Amino acid sequence: MNKDIRIAVSFFDHPKTVKLKRTLGWEGIICLQRLWCFAAQYKPSGLLDNMDEADIEIAARWEGKEGEFIAALIKLRWLDYNDEDSTYSLHDWAEHNPYCFHAEERSRIAKKAAEARWKKCKENKDVMHKACEEQCTEHAKSNASRNAPSPSPSPIPSPIPSPTPVPSPSPKDTLVSSDEDTCPQTEPADANLADELSQKATTGKKQPPPCPHKEIIELYHEILPELPRVMGWKGTREQYLRTRWREDPQRQDLGWWREFFQKVRESDFLMGRVPPRNGDRPFMADLEWLVRPNNFLKVLEGRYR
């Protein structure tokens, strides 16, 4: 989405501007510029399709007599009207604001480039995965050959000597002598603790891979170039994204986040394509807003259209 428009330095001295000011006053000049800003955000081609006179005057915040603003713009050729399809368009919009005019084309190119980079990254990942599998197989075969039993016969074991009988202790042996204390032998507490910790370590959950913050931010910039860029990623922001990554094993893959950002792109509200109310600026989501717990779940549930 465009965030600014271009106005020539000679705009206020142009004869068409002077005539518009004489016809509608300064309110007409301001409303014309508001209409330009609206077009840059929601009609970047300059074609005001699916908009009648009332819609255009509402977009420009015109509060004067109904139809007067449109009539003045058409008369002074600030606005063109096509009789064949009954549509309005901004006069010479592509010439005066080429950057706004080509916004949709830039978005398509950025999306195509992002898809190409993702495809290449996936191909490289598959190649590396295959190479790792082959290397692991070779190591397994090598270890198996080294650990194979020897074909030579095993030596005959020596006979086990007969145990010498030990007399059972008498009651006197368990009494306290004058030199030292005697007590039944028990297993040290540390041994039980070591067994418990070993069991927990064996049965514990596998730790998830570390969250690739940088790669996810790059995907966000590639797929959603119109949304605010990330300028810093520390503290709470970093914790939000790490938590979303660790909550579900399916999210521990960059492909899942690519699909998530594509889902965001389909939402007019999240992308700032919904006209604002009461003259406010349209809402546009950013990465921190998207990974907050409630917002994140609502995006997954498809509540933002």
Foldseek 3Di string as FASTA:
>chain_A
DDDDFDDDPCNCVDPLNVVQCVQPNVLLVQLLVQLVVLCLQAVLQQWPPPDDQVRSCVSSVPDDDRPSSVVSCCVSQQKDADPVVGTIGGHCSCVRGVVSNCPVVVLVVLQVVLVVVVVVVVVVVVVVVVVVVVVVVVVVVVVCVVPPDDPDDDDDDDDDDDDDDDDDDDPVVQDQDPPGHDDDDDDDPVVVVVVVVVVCVVPDDDAADFDPVVVLLVLLCSNQVLFDHDPDADDPNVVLRRCVCRVDVVSVDVVVSNVLSVLLVVFCQQNQNDDDPPPDGRDHDDSSQCSDVVNVVCSVVVVGD
